Amino acid sequence: MTDFSDSGSRIMDKTIHLSEAVAEMDNEDIESVFELDRCEGWIKEKDLQRVALQFPDYLLKNAPAVAKGLGTRLSREVFILGDTSYGECCVDEVAAEHLNADGIIHFGHTCLTPSQRLPVLYVFTIKHIDTAALGASLRKKFCEDLDILMIYDVEYDHALRNFSLQDWRGRIVVGEPIDATKPLAEGCIRKFGRQFQVSSLDELKNFKVVYVTSEARESVKIYNFLFSFSGSEFYVYDKNGLDLATRSVQKQLMKRYFLIEKTKDAERIGILVGTLGVANFNDIISRLRSLIKKSGKKSYTFLVGKLNPQKLANFPEVEVFVLVACPETSFPDSSEFFQSVVTPYELEIALNSSREWGGQYYTDFRDLLSGGEGYLEPGAEHGEGEAGDLHHEPDVSLVTGRVRAGGLAQNYNGNGELMTINDRTVSQLHQGGGGEFLASRSWSGLEQKLGGTEVEPLVQGRPGIAQQYQGEGES
């Protein structure tokens, strides 16, 4: 008898090279780097009974030792979340709640966006940095009377929270990570989950921005800060030294504006839910749905977890996607995507006539909600049509060169009337939407043809597993 699969030993023996090596730690290092004393005190203070521990991939190697260390200190249940549904920087409340956790401890890099329901403790861990070398690079690059804004990855908080340069005549403002539940210090503002000792962001306009990171300079998370300070010179400090960001701000903004123009042309827009743990994500989804409807377009909501081109390509009827996620994961590399992916702010520029391109760029969707610093009521300046529909003056698309109509919503108030497209019957409710698009396709999925297909005998396939079948590629 021939086996239909092999043992998979070729795949099991395959060598995997980690992108970021994790140094071996003894018990003493584990206790200090992962702050087990602080974790123990927090669990007791909150009187938690089931605590989930969330680690990024590069720290999973140390997760068992951390869980064991906490378990020996407490008579409570502590368990590890093996994988995250979305970005590693966000607290995975959904996975924790599925396991009936009443609290989460998040280790490693984080975007510092507040969670929805469960209490969360952030443990930044420790990455070592030579502060003397950083100071020397700043003195070499800048004159001593320049003002500097320093932002850093949270893993460097232990070394850079109180960073300063002796005899530096200009100001050095450091963005210090701060818990969302804690009050701000006097004379400070909160932005990006950090505390800045200024009265407003406008005060930082003439500052040189220095971002200290261990990530590659091409990392997409840099957009969160790059776009927010698009009018300032932006520098990145990493293991290679201090240099201007390799990504030109103006070129990237031109690309984003091209996506906005494509969004204006789109008739069917998909809302991608890229987080279920960030506070107010339901509010922004409701706002986006309302905005799309008032603009006379169709919206569809998708919950797909981590994005990839293959997932989104399953929905060719959707012309543009808007991603609801934390600021650090809102700019995926969409160069290989079949459709464009925009942010909630960019969708508002495309559809909300009250909002114009230029000025402050909002990467955090919470700024767009009522009470946020970037909130604008749709149609507040340019008026609304009937029933609150947004009115846009006809213009010419910069992508297609065609004239775009005013874009008033076409509300369907019929009684279930049907229309026929390619011999398929579709409700007029779907006119201009995904239903009409699907009916107009020459192929719309497998046809069952019950009773009309001859039954074939069983045929033996190739043995192996999906990654590589035996004999695959041989002629």
Protein backbone atom coordinates (compact mmCIF):
# COMPACT_ATOMS: atom_id res chain seq x y z
CA MET A 1 0.00 0.00 0.00
CA THR A 2 1.35 3.44 -0.96
CA ASP A 3 1.33 6.22 1.65
CA PHE A 4 -0.54 9.38 0.69
CA SER A 5 1.91 11.53 2.70
CA ASP A 6 5.49 11.36 3.88
CA SER A 7 6.81 11.91 7.40
CA GLY A 8 7.55 15.58 6.77
CA SER A 9 11.11 15.04 8.04
CA ARG A 10 12.57 17.25 5.30
CA ILE A 11 10.60 20.20 6.57
CA MET A 12 11.23 19.42 10.25
CA ASP A 13 14.98 19.30 9.64
CA LYS A 14 15.01 22.58 7.71
CA THR A 15 17.17 25.29 9.33
CA ILE A 16 15.39 28.54 10.20
CA HIS A 17 17.46 31.71 10.60
CA LEU A 18 15.94 34.20 13.02
CA SER A 19 16.00 37.84 11.91
CA GLU A 20 16.86 39.04 15.39
CA ALA A 21 18.99 36.95 17.72
CA VAL A 22 17.93 36.75 21.33
CA ALA A 23 20.76 36.52 23.81
CA GLU A 24 20.73 33.71 26.36
CA MET A 25 19.57 34.93 29.77
CA ASP A 26 20.09 33.47 33.21
CA ASN A 27 17.45 33.71 35.94
CA GLU A 28 18.83 36.99 37.25
CA ASP A 29 18.64 38.57 33.79
CA ILE A 30 15.10 37.29 33.34
CA GLU A 31 14.02 38.92 36.60
CA SER A 32 15.52 42.31 35.71
CA VAL A 33 14.77 42.50 31.97
CA PHE A 34 11.17 41.32 32.36
CA GLU A 35 10.62 43.11 35.69
CA LEU A 36 9.13 40.12 37.50
CA ASP A 37 8.92 42.02 40.81
CA ARG A 38 6.80 44.73 39.16
CA CYS A 39 4.63 42.12 37.43
CA GLU A 40 4.04 40.32 40.73
CA GLY A 41 3.08 43.54 42.50
CA TRP A 42 0.67 44.55 39.72
CA ILE A 43 -1.10 41.18 39.71
CA LYS A 44 -1.56 41.31 43.48
CA GLU A 45 -2.70 44.95 43.40
CA LYS A 46 -5.36 44.18 40.77
CA ASP A 47 -6.25 40.87 42.47
CA LEU A 48 -6.09 39.00 39.17
CA GLN A 49 -6.57 35.25 39.01
CA ARG A 50 -5.88 34.40 35.33
CA VAL A 51 -3.16 36.47 33.65
CA ALA A 52 -2.16 36.25 29.99
CA LEU A 53 1.44 36.96 29.01
CA GLN A 54 1.90 38.39 25.49
CA PHE A 55 5.30 38.32 23.79
CA PRO A 56 6.51 39.41 20.35
CA ASP A 57 8.10 36.69 18.23
CA TYR A 58 11.65 37.67 19.13
CA LEU A 59 10.96 37.20 22.86
CA LEU A 60 9.01 33.92 22.68
CA LYS A 61 12.24 32.07 23.41
CA ASN A 62 12.24 33.55 26.91
CA ALA A 63 8.49 33.20 27.49
CA PRO A 64 8.58 29.84 29.36
CA ALA A 65 11.20 31.12 31.81
CA VAL A 66 9.16 34.28 32.46
CA ALA A 67 5.94 32.30 32.98
CA LYS A 68 7.71 29.86 35.28
CA GLY A 69 9.29 32.70 37.26
CA LEU A 70 5.92 34.36 37.83
CA GLY A 71 4.23 31.06 38.55
CA THR A 72 6.62 30.25 41.39
CA ARG A 73 5.92 33.66 42.99
CA LEU A 74 2.13 33.53 42.75
CA SER A 75 -0.65 31.07 43.46
CA ARG A 76 -2.47 32.35 40.35
CA GLU A 77 -2.79 30.98 36.85
CA VAL A 78 -0.33 32.48 34.36
CA PHE A 79 -0.26 31.45 30.70
CA ILE A 80 1.39 32.50 27.43
CA LEU A 81 -0.39 33.76 24.32
CA GLY A 82 1.40 31.86 21.58
CA ASP A 83 0.48 34.10 18.66
CA THR A 84 -1.14 37.48 18.06
CA SER A 85 -4.11 38.03 15.78
CA TYR A 86 -2.83 41.38 14.48
CA GLY A 87 0.29 43.45 15.14
CA GLU A 88 2.65 42.41 17.91
CA CYS A 89 2.64 45.96 19.24
CA CYS A 90 -1.10 45.81 20.10
CA VAL A 91 -2.58 44.10 23.13
CA ASP A 92 -4.44 40.97 21.97
CA GLU A 93 -7.53 41.26 24.14
CA VAL A 94 -9.53 38.87 21.96
CA ALA A 95 -7.17 35.91 22.45
CA ALA A 96 -6.91 36.67 26.17
CA GLU A 97 -10.68 36.85 26.60
CA HIS A 98 -11.13 33.56 24.76
CA LEU A 99 -9.05 32.03 27.56
CA ASN A 100 -11.01 33.88 30.27
CA ALA A 101 -8.05 36.04 31.29
CA ASP A 102 -8.80 38.94 33.62
CA GLY A 103 -5.57 40.80 32.88
CA ILE A 104 -2.70 40.98 30.35
CA ILE A 105 1.01 41.67 30.70
CA HIS A 106 2.46 42.85 27.38
CA PHE A 107 6.23 42.44 26.97
CA GLY A 108 8.51 44.11 24.44
CA HIS A 109 7.76 46.71 21.80
CA THR A 110 4.36 48.35 21.94
CA CYS A 111 2.48 51.13 20.15
CA LEU A 112 1.05 52.26 23.53
CA THR A 113 -2.53 52.54 22.24
CA PRO A 114 -5.04 52.11 25.09
CA SER A 115 -6.94 48.83 25.32
CA GLN A 116 -10.70 48.31 25.36
CA ARG A 117 -11.64 46.36 28.49
CA LEU A 118 -8.95 44.32 30.24
CA PRO A 119 -6.34 45.88 32.55
CA VAL A 120 -2.90 45.86 30.90
CA LEU A 121 0.63 46.17 32.26
CA TYR A 122 3.34 47.15 29.77
CA VAL A 123 6.83 45.78 30.38
CA PHE A 124 9.13 47.34 27.79
CA THR A 125 12.06 45.00 28.49
CA ILE A 126 15.58 46.28 27.89
CA LYS A 127 17.67 46.83 24.81
CA HIS A 128 21.13 48.21 25.41
CA ILE A 129 22.26 51.46 23.83
CA ASP A 130 25.45 53.48 24.10
CA THR A 131 24.15 56.88 25.20
CA ALA A 132 27.64 58.39 24.93
CA ALA A 133 27.81 57.40 21.24
CA LEU A 134 24.33 58.83 20.70
CA GLY A 135 25.34 62.11 22.31
CA ALA A 136 28.50 62.28 20.21
CA SER A 137 26.48 61.71 17.03
CA LEU A 138 24.10 64.53 17.93
CA ARG A 139 26.97 66.95 18.60
CA LYS A 140 28.63 66.01 15.31
CA LYS A 141 25.44 66.37 13.24
CA PHE A 142 23.85 69.48 14.81
CA CYS A 143 24.88 72.89 16.09
CA GLU A 144 24.54 73.20 19.85
CA ASP A 145 21.89 75.92 19.63
CA LEU A 146 19.40 73.76 17.68
CA ASP A 147 16.24 72.36 19.27
CA ILE A 148 15.89 68.57 19.17
CA LEU A 149 12.85 66.34 19.63
CA MET A 150 13.85 62.81 20.57
CA ILE A 151 11.51 59.83 20.17
CA TYR A 152 12.67 56.29 20.86
CA ASP A 153 11.46 52.71 20.83
CA VAL A 154 10.11 51.82 24.26
CA GLU A 155 12.83 49.21 24.82
CA TYR A 156 15.28 52.09 25.29
CA ASP A 157 13.18 53.79 27.96
CA HIS A 158 15.54 52.71 30.75
CA ALA A 159 18.41 54.65 29.16
CA LEU A 160 16.79 57.59 27.35
CA ARG A 161 13.90 58.73 29.56
CA ASN A 162 16.05 61.42 31.18
CA PHE A 163 18.43 61.97 28.26
CA SER A 164 20.21 65.33 28.11
CA LEU A 165 23.41 66.85 26.74
CA GLN A 166 25.66 68.92 28.97
CA ASP A 167 26.20 72.52 27.79
CA TRP A 168 23.68 72.12 24.97
CA ARG A 169 22.23 75.59 24.37
CA GLY A 170 19.11 74.49 22.46
CA ARG A 171 16.15 72.59 23.90
CA ILE A 172 16.01 68.80 23.97
CA VAL A 173 12.46 67.48 24.36
CA VAL A 174 12.18 63.74 24.99
CA GLY A 175 8.96 61.82 24.31
CA GLU A 176 8.60 59.67 27.41
CA PRO A 177 6.24 56.65 27.21
CA ILE A 178 3.35 57.01 29.65
CA ASP A 179 0.51 54.74 30.69
CA ALA A 180 -2.83 55.90 29.24
CA THR A 181 -4.42 55.59 32.68
CA LYS A 182 -1.95 57.93 34.36
CA PRO A 183 -2.39 61.73 34.49
CA LEU A 184 -0.03 63.99 32.57
CA ALA A 185 2.61 66.04 34.29
CA GLU A 186 2.00 69.77 34.44
CA GLY A 187 2.80 71.63 31.22
CA CYS A 188 2.87 68.46 29.09
CA ILE A 189 0.85 67.01 26.22
CA ARG A 190 0.15 63.37 25.29
CA LYS A 191 0.82 62.07 21.77
CA PHE A 192 1.78 58.63 20.40
CA GLY A 193 1.35 57.22 23.91
CA ARG A 194 4.15 59.50 25.02
CA GLN A 195 4.46 62.60 27.17
CA PHE A 196 6.07 65.73 25.71
CA GLN A 197 7.02 68.72 27.84
CA VAL A 198 5.48 71.33 25.54
CA SER A 199 2.19 73.21 25.52
CA SER A 200 1.19 72.05 21.99
CA LEU A 201 2.56 70.22 18.95
CA ASP A 202 2.94 73.56 17.16
CA GLU A 203 5.75 74.33 19.57
CA LEU A 204 7.77 71.49 17.98
CA LYS A 205 7.51 72.71 14.38
CA ASN A 206 11.09 74.03 14.19
CA PHE A 207 12.65 71.09 16.05
CA LYS A 208 14.91 68.51 14.44
CA VAL A 209 13.30 65.12 15.03
CA VAL A 210 15.54 62.20 16.04
CA TYR A 211 14.01 58.73 16.17
CA VAL A 212 16.07 56.09 18.03
CA THR A 213 15.24 52.57 16.91
CA SER A 214 16.63 49.07 16.49
CA GLU A 215 14.41 48.39 13.47
CA ALA A 216 15.49 48.71 9.84
CA ARG A 217 15.18 52.24 8.48
CA GLU A 218 12.68 50.94 5.92
CA SER A 219 10.33 49.70 8.66
CA VAL A 220 6.73 50.81 8.06
CA LYS A 221 6.25 51.82 11.69
CA ILE A 222 8.41 54.89 11.08
CA TYR A 223 5.51 56.41 9.09
CA ASN A 224 3.64 57.07 12.32
CA PHE A 225 6.22 59.69 13.28
CA LEU A 226 7.43 60.64 9.80
CA PHE A 227 4.00 61.83 8.63
CA SER A 228 3.13 63.45 11.96
CA PHE A 229 6.23 65.65 11.70
CA SER A 230 6.23 65.99 7.92
CA GLY A 231 7.32 69.63 8.11
CA SER A 232 10.44 68.87 10.16
CA GLU A 233 13.80 67.34 9.28
CA PHE A 234 13.55 63.72 10.39
CA TYR A 235 16.62 61.73 11.44
CA VAL A 236 16.97 58.08 12.41
CA TYR A 237 19.57 56.78 14.87
CA ASP A 238 20.30 53.06 14.77
CA LYS A 239 23.29 50.75 14.86
CA ASN A 240 24.62 52.44 11.69
CA GLY A 241 24.64 55.90 13.22
CA LEU A 242 22.59 59.09 12.78
CA ASP A 243 21.32 60.01 9.33
CA LEU A 244 18.32 61.52 7.58
CA ALA A 245 15.46 59.08 7.12
CA THR A 246 15.96 57.13 3.91
CA ARG A 247 12.31 57.64 3.01
CA SER A 248 11.66 61.09 1.57
CA VAL A 249 8.68 62.60 3.38
CA GLN A 250 7.48 64.54 0.35
CA LYS A 251 7.71 61.53 -1.98
CA GLN A 252 5.80 59.39 0.48
CA LEU A 253 3.12 62.07 0.88
CA MET A 254 2.77 62.24 -2.91
CA LYS A 255 2.15 58.49 -2.96
CA ARG A 256 -0.45 58.83 -0.21
CA TYR A 257 -2.22 61.60 -2.13
CA PHE A 258 -2.36 59.36 -5.20
CA LEU A 259 -4.19 56.78 -3.04
CA ILE A 260 -6.60 59.50 -1.90
CA GLU A 261 -7.42 60.28 -5.54
CA LYS A 262 -8.06 56.58 -6.20
CA THR A 263 -10.38 56.54 -3.19
CA LYS A 264 -12.38 59.43 -4.65
CA ASP A 265 -12.88 57.37 -7.83
CA ALA A 266 -13.89 54.19 -5.97
CA GLU A 267 -17.52 53.10 -5.76
CA ARG A 268 -17.02 50.12 -3.45
CA ILE A 269 -14.85 50.53 -0.34
CA GLY A 270 -13.84 47.81 2.10
CA ILE A 271 -13.29 48.53 5.79
CA LEU A 272 -10.51 46.29 7.13
CA VAL A 273 -10.71 45.71 10.87
CA GLY A 274 -7.03 45.52 11.79
CA THR A 275 -7.55 45.54 15.56
CA LEU A 276 -10.14 44.46 18.08
CA GLY A 277 -8.26 45.63 21.14
CA VAL A 278 -7.64 49.36 20.58
CA ALA A 279 -10.08 51.66 22.35
CA ASN A 280 -12.80 53.27 20.19
CA PHE A 281 -12.28 51.02 17.16
CA ASN A 282 -16.06 50.48 16.94
CA ASP A 283 -16.64 54.24 16.92
CA ILE A 284 -14.32 54.86 13.98
CA ILE A 285 -15.86 51.97 12.00
CA SER A 286 -19.32 53.47 12.51
CA ARG A 287 -18.04 56.88 11.42
CA LEU A 288 -16.42 55.45 8.28
CA ARG A 289 -19.57 53.55 7.33
CA SER A 290 -21.66 56.69 7.72
CA LEU A 291 -19.20 58.79 5.72
CA ILE A 292 -19.06 56.25 2.87
CA LYS A 293 -22.86 55.97 2.76
CA LYS A 294 -23.36 59.74 2.72
CA SER A 295 -20.90 59.97 -0.18
CA GLY A 296 -23.04 57.65 -2.31
CA LYS A 297 -20.63 54.71 -2.16
CA LYS A 298 -20.94 51.14 -0.90
CA SER A 299 -19.03 49.85 2.13
CA TYR A 300 -18.20 46.31 3.21
CA THR A 301 -16.53 45.35 6.48
CA PHE A 302 -13.86 42.63 6.66
CA LEU A 303 -12.22 40.97 9.65
CA VAL A 304 -9.18 39.21 8.18
CA GLY A 305 -6.49 39.27 10.88
CA LYS A 306 -2.98 39.87 9.54
CA LEU A 307 -3.05 41.30 6.02
CA ASN A 308 -1.52 39.77 2.93
CA PRO A 309 -2.14 40.25 -0.82
CA GLN A 310 -3.76 36.83 -1.19
CA LYS A 311 -6.51 37.56 1.34
CA LEU A 312 -7.52 40.88 -0.17
CA ALA A 313 -7.33 39.56 -3.74
CA ASN A 314 -10.31 37.34 -2.89
CA PHE A 315 -12.49 40.46 -3.08
CA PRO A 316 -11.83 41.98 -6.54
CA GLU A 317 -15.13 43.88 -6.41
CA VAL A 318 -13.69 46.12 -3.67
CA GLU A 319 -11.72 48.95 -5.25
CA VAL A 320 -10.09 50.46 -2.15
CA PHE A 321 -9.62 49.25 1.42
CA VAL A 322 -9.41 51.46 4.50
CA LEU A 323 -7.47 49.91 7.37
CA VAL A 324 -8.57 50.49 10.96
CA ALA A 325 -5.50 49.70 13.05
CA CYS A 326 -3.06 51.21 15.51
CA PRO A 327 -0.82 54.04 14.22
CA GLU A 328 2.22 51.79 13.78
CA THR A 329 0.45 49.16 11.64
CA SER A 330 -1.74 51.52 9.58
CA PHE A 331 0.76 51.76 6.71
CA PRO A 332 1.34 48.24 5.35
CA ASP A 333 3.58 47.81 2.35
CA SER A 334 0.83 47.55 -0.26
CA SER A 335 3.11 47.46 -3.32
CA GLU A 336 2.08 43.84 -3.98
CA PHE A 337 -1.59 44.35 -3.14
CA PHE A 338 -4.18 44.22 -5.91
CA GLN A 339 -6.10 47.10 -4.29
CA SER A 340 -4.94 50.23 -2.52
CA VAL A 341 -5.00 50.42 1.28
CA VAL A 342 -5.60 53.83 2.90
CA THR A 343 -5.94 55.12 6.45
CA PRO A 344 -9.12 56.56 8.03
CA TYR A 345 -7.62 60.06 7.76
CA GLU A 346 -6.99 59.62 4.05
CA LEU A 347 -10.53 58.33 3.52
CA GLU A 348 -11.86 61.43 5.25
CA ILE A 349 -9.84 63.68 2.96
CA ALA A 350 -11.32 61.86 -0.03
CA LEU A 351 -14.94 61.90 1.13
CA ASN A 352 -15.32 64.65 3.74
CA SER A 353 -15.42 67.99 1.93
CA SER A 354 -14.73 69.77 5.22
CA ARG A 355 -11.24 68.28 5.39
CA GLU A 356 -8.45 69.42 3.09
CA TRP A 357 -5.07 67.96 2.20
CA GLY A 358 -2.14 69.61 3.96
CA GLY A 359 -1.40 70.66 7.50
CA GLN A 360 -1.35 68.15 10.32
CA TYR A 361 -1.43 64.48 9.28
CA TYR A 362 -3.37 62.28 11.74
CA THR A 363 -2.08 58.72 12.02
CA ASP A 364 -4.19 57.86 15.08
CA PHE A 365 -7.84 57.33 14.15
CA ARG A 366 -8.95 58.44 17.62
CA ASP A 367 -7.97 62.00 16.66
CA LEU A 368 -10.75 61.92 14.05
CA LEU A 369 -13.51 61.09 16.53
CA SER A 370 -15.65 63.57 18.41
CA GLY A 371 -13.47 65.21 21.07
CA GLY A 372 -10.25 64.45 19.15
CA GLU A 373 -7.92 67.22 18.02
CA GLY A 374 -8.58 66.47 14.34
CA TYR A 375 -12.36 66.04 14.49
CA LEU A 376 -14.43 67.69 11.74
CA GLU A 377 -18.14 67.20 11.26
CA PRO A 378 -18.81 65.95 7.69
CA GLY A 379 -20.24 68.75 5.56
CA ALA A 380 -19.75 71.33 8.29
CA GLU A 381 -18.18 73.85 5.93
CA HIS A 382 -19.41 72.93 2.47
CA GLY A 383 -22.99 71.98 3.28
CA GLU A 384 -25.01 68.80 3.01
CA GLY A 385 -27.63 67.56 0.59
CA GLU A 386 -30.96 66.02 1.43
CA ALA A 387 -31.12 63.72 4.46
CA GLY A 388 -27.61 64.73 5.50
CA ASP A 389 -25.92 63.43 2.33
CA LEU A 390 -22.55 64.98 1.55
CA HIS A 391 -22.43 67.28 -1.44
CA HIS A 392 -19.27 67.49 -3.52
CA GLU A 393 -18.74 69.82 -6.42
CA PRO A 394 -18.07 67.88 -9.67
CA ASP A 395 -14.35 67.69 -10.44
CA VAL A 396 -11.88 65.85 -12.64
CA SER A 397 -10.11 62.71 -11.45
CA LEU A 398 -6.33 63.09 -11.44
CA VAL A 399 -6.03 59.32 -11.99
CA THR A 400 -8.48 58.60 -14.82
CA GLY A 401 -8.99 62.11 -16.22
CA ARG A 402 -12.75 61.63 -16.07
CA VAL A 403 -15.29 63.99 -14.55
CA ARG A 404 -16.54 62.87 -11.15
CA ALA A 405 -20.15 63.59 -10.22
CA GLY A 406 -21.24 65.37 -7.05
CA GLY A 407 -21.53 62.10 -5.18
CA LEU A 408 -24.85 62.39 -3.36
CA ALA A 409 -25.95 59.16 -1.72
CA GLN A 410 -28.46 57.07 -3.61
CA ASN A 411 -30.64 55.73 -0.83
CA TYR A 412 -32.63 52.65 -1.78
CA ASN A 413 -36.23 52.82 -0.59
CA GLY A 414 -37.76 50.21 -2.89
CA ASN A 415 -39.87 47.16 -2.19
CA GLY A 416 -37.45 44.45 -3.21
CA GLU A 417 -37.43 45.08 -6.97
CA LEU A 418 -35.14 42.83 -9.00
CA MET A 419 -32.94 43.41 -12.03
CA THR A 420 -31.34 40.94 -14.42
CA ILE A 421 -27.61 41.04 -15.26
CA ASN A 422 -26.02 38.33 -17.43
CA ASP A 423 -29.06 36.09 -16.89
CA ARG A 424 -28.67 36.48 -13.13
CA THR A 425 -31.33 38.04 -10.93
CA VAL A 426 -30.07 40.63 -8.44
CA SER A 427 -31.96 42.88 -6.02
CA GLN A 428 -31.75 46.58 -6.80
CA LEU A 429 -30.48 46.93 -3.26
CA HIS A 430 -27.11 45.79 -4.67
CA GLN A 431 -27.08 48.26 -7.53
CA GLY A 432 -23.55 49.62 -7.84
CA GLY A 433 -22.36 47.26 -5.09
CA GLY A 434 -20.71 43.87 -4.77
CA GLY A 435 -23.84 41.96 -5.79
CA GLU A 436 -24.05 43.71 -9.16
CA PHE A 437 -20.30 43.29 -9.70
CA LEU A 438 -20.47 39.55 -8.96
CA ALA A 439 -23.45 39.09 -11.29
CA SER A 440 -21.64 40.88 -14.12
CA ARG A 441 -18.61 38.56 -13.99
CA SER A 442 -18.34 35.80 -16.58
CA TRP A 443 -17.18 33.41 -13.81
CA SER A 444 -18.60 33.81 -10.33
CA GLY A 445 -17.52 30.62 -8.58
CA LEU A 446 -17.83 26.87 -8.97
CA GLU A 447 -21.11 25.70 -10.46
CA GLN A 448 -22.63 22.69 -8.73
CA LYS A 449 -24.49 21.27 -11.77
CA LEU A 450 -26.17 18.71 -9.54
CA GLY A 451 -26.91 15.53 -11.47
CA GLY A 452 -25.18 16.82 -14.57
CA THR A 453 -21.60 15.79 -13.73
CA GLU A 454 -20.36 12.24 -14.24
CA VAL A 455 -18.89 10.60 -11.15
CA GLU A 456 -15.19 9.80 -11.58
CA PRO A 457 -13.32 6.98 -9.77
CA LEU A 458 -10.79 7.80 -7.03
CA VAL A 459 -7.40 8.87 -8.41
CA GLN A 460 -4.19 8.68 -6.40
CA GLY A 461 -2.45 12.02 -5.99
CA ARG A 462 1.15 12.90 -5.21
CA PRO A 463 2.48 12.03 -1.74
CA GLY A 464 3.95 14.74 0.47
CA ILE A 465 2.84 17.88 2.22
CA ALA A 466 1.71 21.23 0.87
CA GLN A 467 5.12 22.89 0.94
CA GLN A 468 6.68 20.26 -1.33
CA TYR A 469 5.13 17.13 -2.86
CA GLN A 470 7.32 14.26 -3.95
CA GLY A 471 8.16 14.52 -7.64
CA GLU A 472 6.94 18.10 -7.86
CA GLY A 473 8.71 20.01 -10.62
CA GLU A 474 9.91 16.86 -12.39
CA SER A 475 8.92 16.41 -16.00
